């Protein structure tokens, strides 16, 4: 039976870059989830009898919210819901399922790389029929609806057993629990040369993968462990846990420190990788070498033709504005366009749908291609393995050869987390107020060549996104970028991106902190970070 339940709106349900993210207790407020889900449905048209995909990263509160979504989807007129077994679907796998089965859209329950648990983070976002995150026109409509919503629709029905593959019905709506891994693994087999990778691993090439007690554990076990022959013991932290085992499931050198230590040891494996809470980010470490996400994007693009799915070549490369310019030089050599977008995978979606780009990437460890409409951590790992199998060289040799050809972009990101929002806003406002007067001045001994607040005009639909980050460029091609992140749940996160370009033939073997030291000093001087935030050092350096 369908019931219309009166409700009172909340005024804080504005989706960010990756949906609505708050602490679990915040989501557990009366009708908080129901209001947001109903606002999603109220903002859409034409879904009567259509298919909805639902899944998440297995974090705390996922299972309960899935049951609410199922009952509300039935009440609102969907004809079918596809649910990942156990409520599990990595974000790229969910995108694939939406696309493969022609779904109207999907609801993904994840806070990505943020911690999980009863008092930690939860998230919910809507993906459209192309498999990608909803564009701003849709999220703006959802937010507008949340502010005035006065009722939601839900059916009275028992919980669906989402642990058993098969079909049941909720008030006439089909609920199909599907294998979370099968469709994704089948897609990967069409893109990569699995026999070549199996031969590489079978010849003694050692691979380790840290699933961080998060969603990619089952995917890595099936694909890397079984289909590629690395063995299940090559995957550690393989079981998804509601609290990620107490760990922070962000694949960077701080939170994946055990993997880093293992790869820097004398007897290190040949290749190490990790993925995050919902499976859309990646960490790549070769024996005795860490590959920055910006470099990884460039190296993958330069070698993608070695994988069957990309043998015809790339039509274009896209990167987020804070990502280093390493990929730009690859695009130039390949004679293809390079698109610089704001941070957020939804900006890549238009380019991919229009056939203007093939590979996309962000400095925040997200890389992907036109196979889905989300970044895809395991995809990047498999493309690296395909390249290694074809080139029969180490990760270090591939990286050094790349720098010798294209030059090297020394790069780091400094994160100042959970700082006072007002202080962060004041820092950015003060920076913006200086921009017009900075060119031609010197900061910490470096001459400023340019300064602006990045704005993006979408080449597909003409939409404009302003105030996407303050860029300060220096003579010689170095730069610092400042922006506030939209992925946290407490206070503000200030991200400072520091980049120095060293041409081919220059000093390509420096330690990154030393190479960037003058720029780090310039970033502090121009933004006065200590005065605004009280922080004398970043919380995380990646």
Protein backbone atom coordinates (compact mmCIF):
# COMPACT_ATOMS: atom_id res chain seq x y z
CA UNK A 1 0.00 0.00 0.00
CA UNK A 2 1.31 3.44 -0.95
CA UNK A 3 1.24 6.10 1.73
CA UNK A 4 1.80 9.83 1.38
CA UNK A 5 3.60 11.02 4.50
CA UNK A 6 3.60 14.71 5.51
CA UNK A 7 7.07 16.11 6.18
CA UNK A 8 8.93 19.30 6.99
CA UNK A 9 11.80 20.45 4.75
CA UNK A 10 15.41 20.67 5.81
CA UNK A 11 17.36 23.65 4.53
CA UNK A 12 20.80 22.00 4.34
CA UNK A 13 20.32 19.42 1.59
CA UNK A 14 22.34 21.11 -1.15
CA UNK A 15 24.28 18.49 -3.14
CA UNK A 16 27.98 19.18 -3.53
CA UNK A 17 30.45 18.05 -6.18
CA UNK A 18 29.63 14.40 -5.44
CA UNK A 19 26.14 14.50 -3.99
CA UNK A 20 24.88 15.11 -0.47
CA UNK A 21 27.37 14.23 2.26
CA UNK A 22 26.87 14.52 6.00
CA UNK A 23 27.63 12.57 9.14
CA UNK A 24 25.53 9.43 9.68
CA UNK A 25 23.59 10.88 12.68
CA UNK A 26 22.63 13.82 10.49
CA UNK A 27 21.13 11.47 7.90
CA UNK A 28 19.34 9.58 10.67
CA UNK A 29 17.19 12.58 11.55
CA UNK A 30 13.46 11.95 11.00
CA UNK A 31 12.59 11.96 7.27
CA UNK A 32 16.02 13.31 6.26
CA UNK A 33 16.70 10.52 3.77
CA UNK A 34 13.07 10.34 2.68
CA UNK A 35 12.95 14.07 1.95
CA UNK A 36 16.06 13.95 -0.21
CA UNK A 37 15.04 10.83 -2.13
CA UNK A 38 11.59 12.27 -2.79
CA UNK A 39 13.17 15.51 -3.95
CA UNK A 40 15.22 13.49 -6.46
CA UNK A 41 12.10 11.79 -7.80
CA UNK A 42 10.10 15.03 -7.84
CA UNK A 43 12.85 16.65 -9.95
CA UNK A 44 12.67 13.94 -12.63
CA UNK A 45 10.06 13.16 -15.27
CA UNK A 46 9.35 10.18 -17.49
CA UNK A 47 10.51 7.40 -15.18
CA UNK A 48 7.13 5.62 -14.85
CA UNK A 49 7.82 1.91 -15.33
CA UNK A 50 11.54 2.54 -15.89
CA UNK A 51 14.60 0.95 -14.25
CA UNK A 52 16.52 2.43 -11.31
CA UNK A 53 19.94 1.17 -10.17
CA UNK A 54 20.76 1.24 -6.45
CA UNK A 55 23.98 0.34 -4.66
CA UNK A 56 26.81 1.69 -2.61
CA UNK A 57 30.17 1.16 -1.00
CA UNK A 58 28.95 -0.92 1.94
CA UNK A 59 29.57 1.77 4.52
CA UNK A 60 27.50 2.05 7.70
CA UNK A 61 23.81 2.87 7.02
CA UNK A 62 23.91 1.71 3.38
CA UNK A 63 21.68 -1.29 3.90
CA UNK A 64 19.00 0.63 5.78
CA UNK A 65 18.87 3.40 3.20
CA UNK A 66 18.60 0.89 0.34
CA UNK A 67 15.40 -0.48 1.89
CA UNK A 68 13.96 3.05 2.11
CA UNK A 69 14.89 3.75 -1.52
CA UNK A 70 13.27 0.50 -2.68
CA UNK A 71 9.96 1.29 -0.95
CA UNK A 72 9.98 4.87 -2.22
CA UNK A 73 10.88 3.84 -5.79
CA UNK A 74 7.87 1.50 -5.79
CA UNK A 75 5.60 4.24 -4.44
CA UNK A 76 6.78 6.71 -7.07
CA UNK A 77 6.20 4.43 -10.05
CA UNK A 78 9.48 2.82 -11.06
CA UNK A 79 9.00 -0.53 -12.76
CA UNK A 80 12.24 -2.20 -11.77
CA UNK A 81 15.20 -1.67 -9.44
CA UNK A 82 18.57 -3.38 -9.91
CA UNK A 83 20.43 -3.73 -6.60
CA UNK A 84 23.97 -4.91 -6.08
CA UNK A 85 24.19 -8.04 -3.96
CA UNK A 86 24.56 -7.07 -0.33
CA UNK A 87 23.95 -3.48 -1.37
CA UNK A 88 27.43 -3.40 -2.92
CA UNK A 89 28.17 -1.64 -6.20
CA UNK A 90 31.34 0.31 -6.75
CA UNK A 91 30.65 3.72 -8.26
CA UNK A 92 32.13 2.79 -11.68
CA UNK A 93 30.32 -0.56 -11.59
CA UNK A 94 27.04 1.25 -10.90
CA UNK A 95 27.71 3.52 -13.88
CA UNK A 96 28.29 0.45 -16.02
CA UNK A 97 25.07 -1.21 -14.86
CA UNK A 98 23.06 1.95 -15.62
CA UNK A 99 24.50 2.04 -19.14
CA UNK A 100 24.40 -1.70 -19.87
CA UNK A 101 20.77 -2.19 -18.86
CA UNK A 102 19.43 1.12 -20.16
CA UNK A 103 18.37 2.29 -16.72
CA UNK A 104 16.67 5.64 -16.26
CA UNK A 105 19.26 6.50 -13.62
CA UNK A 106 20.77 5.37 -10.35
CA UNK A 107 21.08 6.25 -6.70
CA UNK A 108 24.59 5.67 -5.37
CA UNK A 109 25.14 5.56 -1.62
CA UNK A 110 28.68 6.57 -0.84
CA UNK A 111 30.87 9.22 0.68
CA UNK A 112 33.74 8.00 -1.51
CA UNK A 113 37.09 8.22 0.28
CA UNK A 114 35.69 9.62 3.55
CA UNK A 115 35.72 7.52 6.76
CA UNK A 116 32.75 5.30 7.58
CA UNK A 117 31.03 4.19 10.78
CA UNK A 118 28.12 5.10 13.07
CA UNK A 119 29.41 8.65 13.63
CA UNK A 120 31.34 9.07 10.40
CA UNK A 121 30.33 10.00 6.87
CA UNK A 122 27.49 8.97 4.58
CA UNK A 123 26.52 10.17 1.14
CA UNK A 124 23.87 9.88 -1.52
CA UNK A 125 23.90 11.05 -5.12
CA UNK A 126 21.84 10.64 -8.27
CA UNK A 127 23.36 9.52 -11.58
CA UNK A 128 21.52 10.08 -14.85
CA UNK A 129 20.88 7.65 -17.70
CA UNK A 130 24.33 8.16 -19.22
CA UNK A 131 25.75 6.65 -16.02
CA UNK A 132 27.35 9.87 -14.84
CA UNK A 133 26.72 12.24 -11.92
CA UNK A 134 23.72 14.49 -12.34
CA UNK A 135 24.60 17.85 -13.93
CA UNK A 136 24.14 21.07 -12.02
CA UNK A 137 20.76 21.70 -13.65
CA UNK A 138 19.46 18.53 -12.00
CA UNK A 139 21.18 18.97 -8.63
CA UNK A 140 19.96 22.58 -8.47
CA UNK A 141 16.42 21.37 -9.09
CA UNK A 142 16.79 18.72 -6.38
CA UNK A 143 18.04 21.30 -3.90
CA UNK A 144 15.22 23.70 -4.72
CA UNK A 145 12.70 20.93 -4.12
CA UNK A 146 14.25 19.94 -0.76
CA UNK A 147 13.62 23.44 0.57
CA UNK A 148 9.85 23.28 0.05
CA UNK A 149 9.00 19.58 0.15
CA UNK A 150 5.95 18.84 2.26
CA UNK A 151 5.35 15.10 1.68
CA UNK A 152 6.96 11.92 0.45
CA UNK A 153 5.55 8.68 -0.95
CA UNK A 154 6.46 5.25 0.35
CA UNK A 155 4.94 1.78 0.31
CA UNK A 156 4.44 -0.43 3.32
CA UNK A 157 6.36 -3.63 2.63
CA UNK A 158 8.84 -5.97 4.35
CA UNK A 159 12.55 -5.58 3.74
CA UNK A 160 13.94 -7.19 0.60
CA UNK A 161 16.66 -9.81 1.12
CA UNK A 162 19.43 -8.07 -0.80
CA UNK A 163 21.99 -10.78 -0.02
CA UNK A 164 20.42 -13.38 -2.34
CA UNK A 165 20.70 -12.99 -6.12
CA UNK A 166 17.27 -13.16 -7.73
CA UNK A 167 13.99 -11.32 -8.23
CA UNK A 168 11.32 -10.29 -5.77
CA UNK A 169 8.52 -7.73 -5.96
CA UNK A 170 7.62 -4.70 -3.88
CA UNK A 171 4.04 -3.61 -4.57
CA UNK A 172 4.36 -4.81 -8.17
CA UNK A 173 7.82 -3.32 -8.76
CA UNK A 174 10.49 -5.84 -9.71
CA UNK A 175 13.56 -5.85 -7.48
CA UNK A 176 16.46 -7.75 -9.02
CA UNK A 177 19.47 -8.43 -6.84
CA UNK A 178 22.42 -8.79 -9.23
CA UNK A 179 25.99 -10.03 -8.97
CA UNK A 180 27.91 -6.88 -8.07
CA UNK A 181 31.07 -7.95 -9.89
CA UNK A 182 30.07 -9.93 -12.99
CA UNK A 183 29.04 -7.13 -15.37
CA UNK A 184 32.05 -5.00 -14.46
CA UNK A 185 34.53 -7.86 -14.85
CA UNK A 186 33.05 -8.70 -18.26
CA UNK A 187 33.52 -5.09 -19.37
CA UNK A 188 37.16 -5.08 -18.25
CA UNK A 189 37.83 -8.22 -20.33
CA UNK A 190 36.74 -6.32 -23.45
CA UNK A 191 39.15 -3.45 -22.78
CA UNK A 192 42.36 -5.16 -21.71
CA UNK A 193 44.60 -7.99 -22.87
CA UNK A 194 43.95 -10.41 -20.02
CA UNK A 195 46.06 -13.23 -21.57
CA UNK A 196 49.12 -10.93 -21.77
CA UNK A 197 48.64 -9.81 -18.15
CA UNK A 198 48.21 -13.44 -17.05
CA UNK A 199 51.47 -14.32 -18.80
CA UNK A 200 53.23 -11.41 -17.07
CA UNK A 201 52.01 -12.46 -13.64
CA UNK A 202 52.58 -16.13 -14.38
CA UNK A 203 56.19 -15.31 -15.24
CA UNK A 204 56.88 -14.12 -11.71
CA UNK A 205 55.72 -10.49 -11.84
CA UNK A 206 54.44 -9.75 -8.32
CA UNK A 207 51.30 -7.66 -7.80
CA UNK A 208 49.73 -6.46 -4.54
CA UNK A 209 46.46 -4.57 -4.17
CA UNK A 210 45.11 -2.83 -1.07
CA UNK A 211 41.30 -2.73 -1.18
CA UNK A 212 41.29 -0.67 2.05
CA UNK A 213 38.43 -2.78 3.54
CA UNK A 214 36.23 -1.04 0.99
CA UNK A 215 34.16 -1.80 -2.07
CA UNK A 216 36.83 -2.94 -4.54
CA UNK A 217 37.77 -6.01 -2.52
CA UNK A 218 35.35 -8.37 -4.32
CA UNK A 219 36.22 -6.86 -7.71
CA UNK A 220 39.98 -7.19 -7.18
CA UNK A 221 39.67 -10.73 -5.84
CA UNK A 222 37.75 -11.83 -8.93
CA UNK A 223 39.70 -9.92 -11.57
CA UNK A 224 43.27 -9.62 -10.28
CA UNK A 225 43.27 -12.56 -7.92
CA UNK A 226 41.41 -15.15 -10.00
CA UNK A 227 41.08 -14.14 -13.66
CA UNK A 228 44.59 -12.70 -13.91
CA UNK A 229 46.16 -15.31 -11.68
CA UNK A 230 47.78 -13.15 -8.98
CA UNK A 231 46.11 -15.25 -6.28
CA UNK A 232 43.73 -14.14 -3.57
CA UNK A 233 46.60 -13.47 -1.17
CA UNK A 234 47.72 -10.63 -3.46
CA UNK A 235 44.64 -8.69 -2.32
CA UNK A 236 44.68 -7.44 1.24
CA UNK A 237 41.99 -5.67 3.25
CA UNK A 238 39.71 -7.40 0.74
CA UNK A 239 36.46 -7.61 2.73
CA UNK A 240 34.25 -4.48 2.59
CA UNK A 241 33.44 -3.37 6.14
CA UNK A 242 30.88 -0.78 7.31
CA UNK A 243 33.63 1.20 9.05
CA UNK A 244 36.41 0.27 6.59
CA UNK A 245 38.14 -1.51 9.46
CA UNK A 246 38.62 1.80 11.22
CA UNK A 247 40.80 3.02 8.38
CA UNK A 248 40.41 6.10 6.20
CA UNK A 249 39.76 4.63 2.73
CA UNK A 250 41.61 7.28 0.76
CA UNK A 251 44.35 5.84 -1.48
CA UNK A 252 47.12 8.32 -0.75
CA UNK A 253 50.53 8.00 0.82
CA UNK A 254 49.18 8.83 4.28
CA UNK A 255 46.27 6.41 4.47
CA UNK A 256 47.85 3.67 2.35
CA UNK A 257 51.14 3.93 4.20
CA UNK A 258 51.47 0.17 4.72
CA UNK A 259 51.32 -0.37 0.97
CA UNK A 260 53.87 2.38 0.42
CA UNK A 261 56.26 0.84 2.95
CA UNK A 262 55.86 -2.55 1.31
CA UNK A 263 56.66 -1.12 -2.13
CA UNK A 264 59.73 0.73 -0.86
CA UNK A 265 61.21 -2.33 0.87
CA UNK A 266 64.27 -4.11 -0.54
CA UNK A 267 62.17 -7.15 -1.48
CA UNK A 268 59.24 -5.11 -2.80
CA UNK A 269 56.74 -6.56 -5.27
CA UNK A 270 56.87 -5.24 -8.82
CA UNK A 271 53.56 -3.37 -8.76
CA UNK A 272 51.33 -2.06 -6.00
CA UNK A 273 47.96 -0.36 -6.17
CA UNK A 274 45.02 0.66 -4.01
CA UNK A 275 41.52 1.97 -4.44
CA UNK A 276 39.20 3.97 -2.22
CA UNK A 277 35.89 3.61 -0.41
CA UNK A 278 33.64 3.46 -3.48
CA UNK A 279 36.21 2.29 -6.03
CA UNK A 280 36.59 5.38 -8.17
CA UNK A 281 40.10 6.44 -7.10
CA UNK A 282 43.45 4.74 -7.42
CA UNK A 283 46.99 4.74 -6.10
CA UNK A 284 49.82 3.47 -8.29
CA UNK A 285 53.20 2.52 -6.83
CA UNK A 286 55.93 0.66 -8.65
CA UNK A 287 58.88 -0.98 -6.97
CA UNK A 288 60.62 1.94 -5.25
CA UNK A 289 58.62 4.62 -7.10
CA UNK A 290 55.33 6.41 -6.43
CA UNK A 291 53.51 7.66 -9.53
CA UNK A 292 51.55 10.84 -8.87
CA UNK A 293 47.96 10.82 -10.15
CA UNK A 294 48.80 13.63 -12.58
CA UNK A 295 51.73 11.67 -13.99
CA UNK A 296 49.68 8.49 -14.07
CA UNK A 297 47.05 10.19 -16.25
CA UNK A 298 49.75 11.33 -18.68
CA UNK A 299 51.50 7.97 -18.78
CA UNK A 300 48.26 6.05 -19.26
CA UNK A 301 47.25 8.36 -22.10
CA UNK A 302 50.66 8.03 -23.78
CA UNK A 303 50.48 4.23 -23.65
CA UNK A 304 46.76 3.49 -23.89
CA UNK A 305 47.10 2.22 -27.47
CA UNK A 306 48.77 -0.91 -26.04
CA UNK A 307 45.38 -2.05 -24.67
CA UNK A 308 42.87 -3.56 -27.12
CA UNK A 309 40.08 -1.22 -26.06
CA UNK A 310 42.16 1.83 -27.02
CA UNK A 311 44.16 0.47 -29.96
CA UNK A 312 42.43 2.88 -32.34
CA UNK A 313 43.88 5.83 -30.42
CA UNK A 314 42.43 8.62 -28.30
CA UNK A 315 40.16 11.38 -29.59
CA UNK A 316 41.04 13.74 -26.74
CA UNK A 317 42.25 14.00 -23.16
CA UNK A 318 40.52 15.92 -20.38
CA UNK A 319 41.91 16.91 -17.00
CA UNK A 320 40.64 18.98 -14.12
CA UNK A 321 42.20 22.42 -13.81
CA UNK A 322 44.26 21.65 -10.66
CA UNK A 323 45.74 18.54 -12.29
CA UNK A 324 49.27 19.08 -13.57
CA UNK A 325 49.97 19.91 -17.19
CA UNK A 326 51.76 16.59 -17.82
CA UNK A 327 48.82 15.30 -19.89
CA UNK A 328 48.86 18.48 -21.99
CA UNK A 329 52.22 17.52 -23.46
CA UNK A 330 50.98 14.05 -24.32
CA UNK A 331 47.94 15.50 -26.08
CA UNK A 332 50.17 17.89 -28.02
CA UNK A 333 52.43 15.07 -29.20
CA UNK A 334 49.43 12.90 -30.18
CA UNK A 335 47.85 15.82 -32.02
CA UNK A 336 44.58 15.63 -30.08
CA UNK A 337 42.67 18.19 -27.99
CA UNK A 338 43.31 18.74 -24.28
CA UNK A 339 40.34 19.97 -22.24
CA UNK A 340 40.84 21.71 -18.89
CA UNK A 341 37.69 21.49 -16.74
CA UNK A 342 36.64 22.35 -13.20
CA UNK A 343 37.01 19.66 -10.55
CA UNK A 344 34.14 17.16 -10.64
CA UNK A 345 33.62 14.18 -12.91
CA UNK A 346 30.30 15.52 -14.18
CA UNK A 347 32.26 18.05 -16.28
CA UNK A 348 33.91 15.18 -18.16
CA UNK A 349 30.55 13.56 -18.88
CA UNK A 350 29.57 16.03 -21.60
CA UNK A 351 32.93 15.62 -23.35
CA UNK A 352 32.69 11.82 -23.22
CA UNK A 353 29.09 11.75 -24.42
CA UNK A 354 29.98 14.07 -27.29
CA UNK A 355 32.89 11.87 -28.35
CA UNK A 356 35.39 14.66 -27.71
CA UNK A 357 37.55 12.85 -25.13
CA UNK A 358 38.58 9.27 -24.42
CA UNK A 359 40.61 9.45 -21.21
CA UNK A 360 40.02 11.83 -18.31
CA UNK A 361 41.72 12.40 -14.99
CA UNK A 362 41.94 14.40 -11.80
CA UNK A 363 44.90 14.98 -9.53
CA UNK A 364 42.83 13.59 -6.66
CA UNK A 365 43.62 10.05 -7.85
CA UNK A 366 40.66 9.72 -10.21
CA UNK A 367 41.24 8.43 -13.73
CA UNK A 368 38.84 6.92 -16.24
CA UNK A 369 37.73 6.67 -19.84
CA UNK A 370 34.66 6.56 -22.04
CA UNK A 371 33.82 3.00 -20.90
CA UNK A 372 31.71 4.46 -18.05
CA UNK A 373 30.82 7.96 -16.86
CA UNK A 374 32.65 7.87 -13.53
CA UNK A 375 36.30 7.73 -12.64
CA UNK A 376 37.39 4.14 -12.16
CA UNK A 377 40.15 3.04 -9.82
CA UNK A 378 40.42 -0.59 -10.86
CA UNK A 379 40.30 0.35 -14.56
CA UNK A 380 43.44 2.47 -14.06
CA UNK A 381 45.18 -0.42 -12.28
CA UNK A 382 44.32 -2.82 -15.11
CA UNK A 383 45.47 -0.39 -17.80
CA UNK A 384 48.78 -0.06 -15.98
CA UNK A 385 49.10 -3.85 -15.87
CA UNK A 386 48.29 -4.05 -19.58
CA UNK A 387 51.00 -1.48 -20.36
CA UNK A 388 53.52 -3.29 -18.16
CA UNK A 389 52.71 -6.59 -19.88
CA UNK A 390 53.23 -5.10 -23.33
CA UNK A 391 56.31 -3.00 -22.62
CA UNK A 392 57.96 -5.58 -20.36
CA UNK A 393 59.58 -2.79 -18.37
CA UNK A 394 59.30 -1.75 -14.74
CA UNK A 395 57.07 1.09 -13.57
CA UNK A 396 60.21 3.08 -12.78
CA UNK A 397 61.64 2.56 -16.28
CA UNK A 398 58.36 3.62 -17.89
CA UNK A 399 58.18 6.76 -15.72
CA UNK A 400 61.78 7.76 -16.39
CA UNK A 401 61.38 7.24 -20.14
CA UNK A 402 58.22 9.36 -20.06
CA UNK A 403 59.97 12.25 -18.28
CA UNK A 404 62.90 12.04 -20.68
CA UNK A 405 60.46 12.49 -23.54
CA UNK A 406 58.00 15.04 -22.17
CA UNK A 407 59.76 16.65 -19.23
CA UNK A 408 58.60 16.32 -15.64
CA UNK A 409 55.89 18.17 -13.74
CA UNK A 410 56.95 18.08 -10.10
CA UNK A 411 53.66 18.21 -8.26
CA UNK A 412 52.07 18.07 -4.80
CA UNK A 413 48.76 18.87 -3.15
CA UNK A 414 48.60 20.27 0.37
CA UNK A 415 45.29 19.75 2.19
CA UNK A 416 44.26 21.80 5.21
CA UNK A 417 41.26 19.88 6.51
CA UNK A 418 38.27 20.85 8.68
CA UNK A 419 39.31 24.47 8.99
CA UNK A 420 36.83 27.15 10.01
CA UNK A 421 34.57 27.83 7.02
CA UNK A 422 34.53 31.58 7.59
CA UNK A 423 38.33 31.65 7.75
CA UNK A 424 38.61 29.64 4.54
CA UNK A 425 36.15 31.93 2.77
CA UNK A 426 38.06 34.99 3.99
CA UNK A 427 41.34 33.56 2.66
CA UNK A 428 39.84 32.96 -0.78
CA UNK A 429 38.14 36.37 -0.86
CA UNK A 430 41.41 38.11 0.03
CA UNK A 431 43.25 36.15 -2.66
CA UNK A 432 40.68 37.07 -5.28
CA UNK A 433 41.02 40.70 -4.29
CA UNK A 434 44.76 40.60 -5.08
CA UNK A 435 44.59 38.97 -8.51
CA UNK A 436 44.58 42.09 -10.66
CA UNK A 437 47.72 43.47 -9.03
CA UNK A 438 49.84 40.30 -8.86
CA UNK A 439 51.23 39.93 -12.43
CA UNK A 440 54.72 41.44 -12.63
CA UNK A 441 55.32 41.29 -8.88
CA UNK A 442 57.67 38.92 -7.10
CA UNK A 443 56.58 36.49 -4.38
CA UNK A 444 59.22 34.66 -2.38
CA UNK A 445 61.68 35.45 -5.15
CA UNK A 446 59.45 34.18 -7.99
CA UNK A 447 58.01 36.49 -10.65
CA UNK A 448 54.26 36.24 -11.19
CA UNK A 449 53.31 35.87 -14.85
CA UNK A 450 49.54 35.49 -14.49
CA UNK A 451 46.79 35.37 -11.89
CA UNK A 452 43.10 34.58 -12.33
CA UNK A 453 40.02 32.87 -10.95
CA UNK A 454 39.37 29.90 -13.23
CA UNK A 455 36.06 29.92 -15.12
CA UNK A 456 34.94 27.21 -17.54
CA UNK A 457 32.63 27.40 -20.52
CA UNK A 458 31.45 23.93 -21.46
CA UNK A 459 32.23 23.37 -25.16
CA UNK A 460 29.23 21.05 -25.50
CA UNK A 461 26.33 22.86 -23.86
CA UNK A 462 27.76 26.37 -23.35
CA UNK A 463 27.17 26.38 -19.59
CA UNK A 464 29.52 28.52 -17.52
CA UNK A 465 31.08 27.57 -14.18
CA UNK A 466 32.79 30.47 -12.43
CA UNK A 467 35.07 30.77 -9.38
CA UNK A 468 36.54 27.29 -9.78
CA UNK A 469 39.91 28.04 -8.19
CA UNK A 470 42.51 30.78 -7.96
CA UNK A 471 45.51 30.22 -10.25
CA UNK A 472 48.82 32.01 -9.90
CA UNK A 473 51.35 31.29 -12.64
CA UNK A 474 55.04 32.12 -12.46
CA UNK A 475 57.60 32.85 -15.14
CA UNK A 476 58.96 29.52 -16.37
CA UNK A 477 55.68 27.60 -16.21
CA UNK A 478 55.33 26.87 -12.49
CA UNK A 479 52.09 27.63 -10.66
CA UNK A 480 50.11 27.37 -7.45
CA UNK A 481 46.35 26.87 -7.31
CA UNK A 482 43.99 27.43 -4.38
CA UNK A 483 40.48 26.05 -4.04
CA UNK A 484 38.02 24.92 -1.41
CA UNK A 485 36.94 21.29 -1.68
CA UNK A 486 33.30 20.22 -1.71
CA UNK A 487 33.84 16.61 -0.61
CA UNK A 488 34.17 16.97 3.16
CA UNK A 489 31.47 16.98 5.83
CA UNK A 490 33.04 19.14 8.54
CA UNK A 491 34.23 22.72 8.11
CA UNK A 492 36.16 23.50 4.94
CA UNK A 493 39.11 21.85 3.22
CA UNK A 494 41.60 24.22 1.63
CA UNK A 495 43.56 22.56 -1.15
CA UNK A 496 46.77 24.10 -2.42
CA UNK A 497 48.22 22.61 -5.61
CA UNK A 498 51.90 23.23 -6.31
CA UNK A 499 53.47 22.50 -9.69
CA UNK A 500 56.88 23.02 -11.24
CA UNK A 501 57.72 22.04 -14.80
CA UNK A 502 61.22 20.78 -15.59
CA UNK A 503 61.83 20.36 -19.34
CA UNK A 504 63.30 17.22 -20.88
CA UNK A 505 67.06 17.42 -20.50
CA UNK A 506 66.74 19.20 -17.15
CA UNK A 507 67.09 17.84 -13.63
CA UNK A 508 64.46 15.09 -13.68
CA UNK A 509 65.61 13.16 -10.60
CA UNK A 510 65.00 15.65 -7.80
CA UNK A 511 63.02 14.82 -4.69
CA UNK A 512 59.62 16.48 -5.03
CA UNK A 513 59.68 18.46 -1.73
CA UNK A 514 63.01 20.03 -2.66
CA UNK A 515 61.92 20.79 -6.21
CA UNK A 516 58.79 22.52 -4.93
CA UNK A 517 60.25 24.32 -1.89
CA UNK A 518 60.32 27.81 -3.48
CA UNK A 519 56.74 27.45 -4.67
CA UNK A 520 55.55 26.22 -1.28
CA UNK A 521 57.04 29.36 0.27
CA UNK A 522 55.34 31.48 -2.40
CA UNK A 523 51.97 29.86 -1.73
CA UNK A 524 52.18 30.67 1.97
CA UNK A 525 53.32 34.21 1.27
CA UNK A 526 50.59 35.08 -1.20
CA UNK A 527 47.69 33.46 0.68
CA UNK A 528 48.91 34.05 4.25
CA UNK A 529 47.68 30.59 5.20
CA UNK A 530 48.99 30.64 8.77
CA UNK A 531 47.24 33.93 9.58
CA UNK A 532 43.91 32.82 8.15
CA UNK A 533 43.82 29.23 9.37
CA UNK A 534 46.22 29.00 12.27
CA UNK A 535 47.82 25.99 10.57
CA UNK A 536 51.58 25.91 10.16
CA UNK A 537 51.52 22.81 7.98
CA UNK A 538 49.00 20.87 5.91
CA UNK A 539 47.17 17.85 7.32
CA UNK A 540 47.89 15.76 4.24
CA UNK A 541 50.48 16.06 1.48
CA UNK A 542 49.92 14.01 -1.67
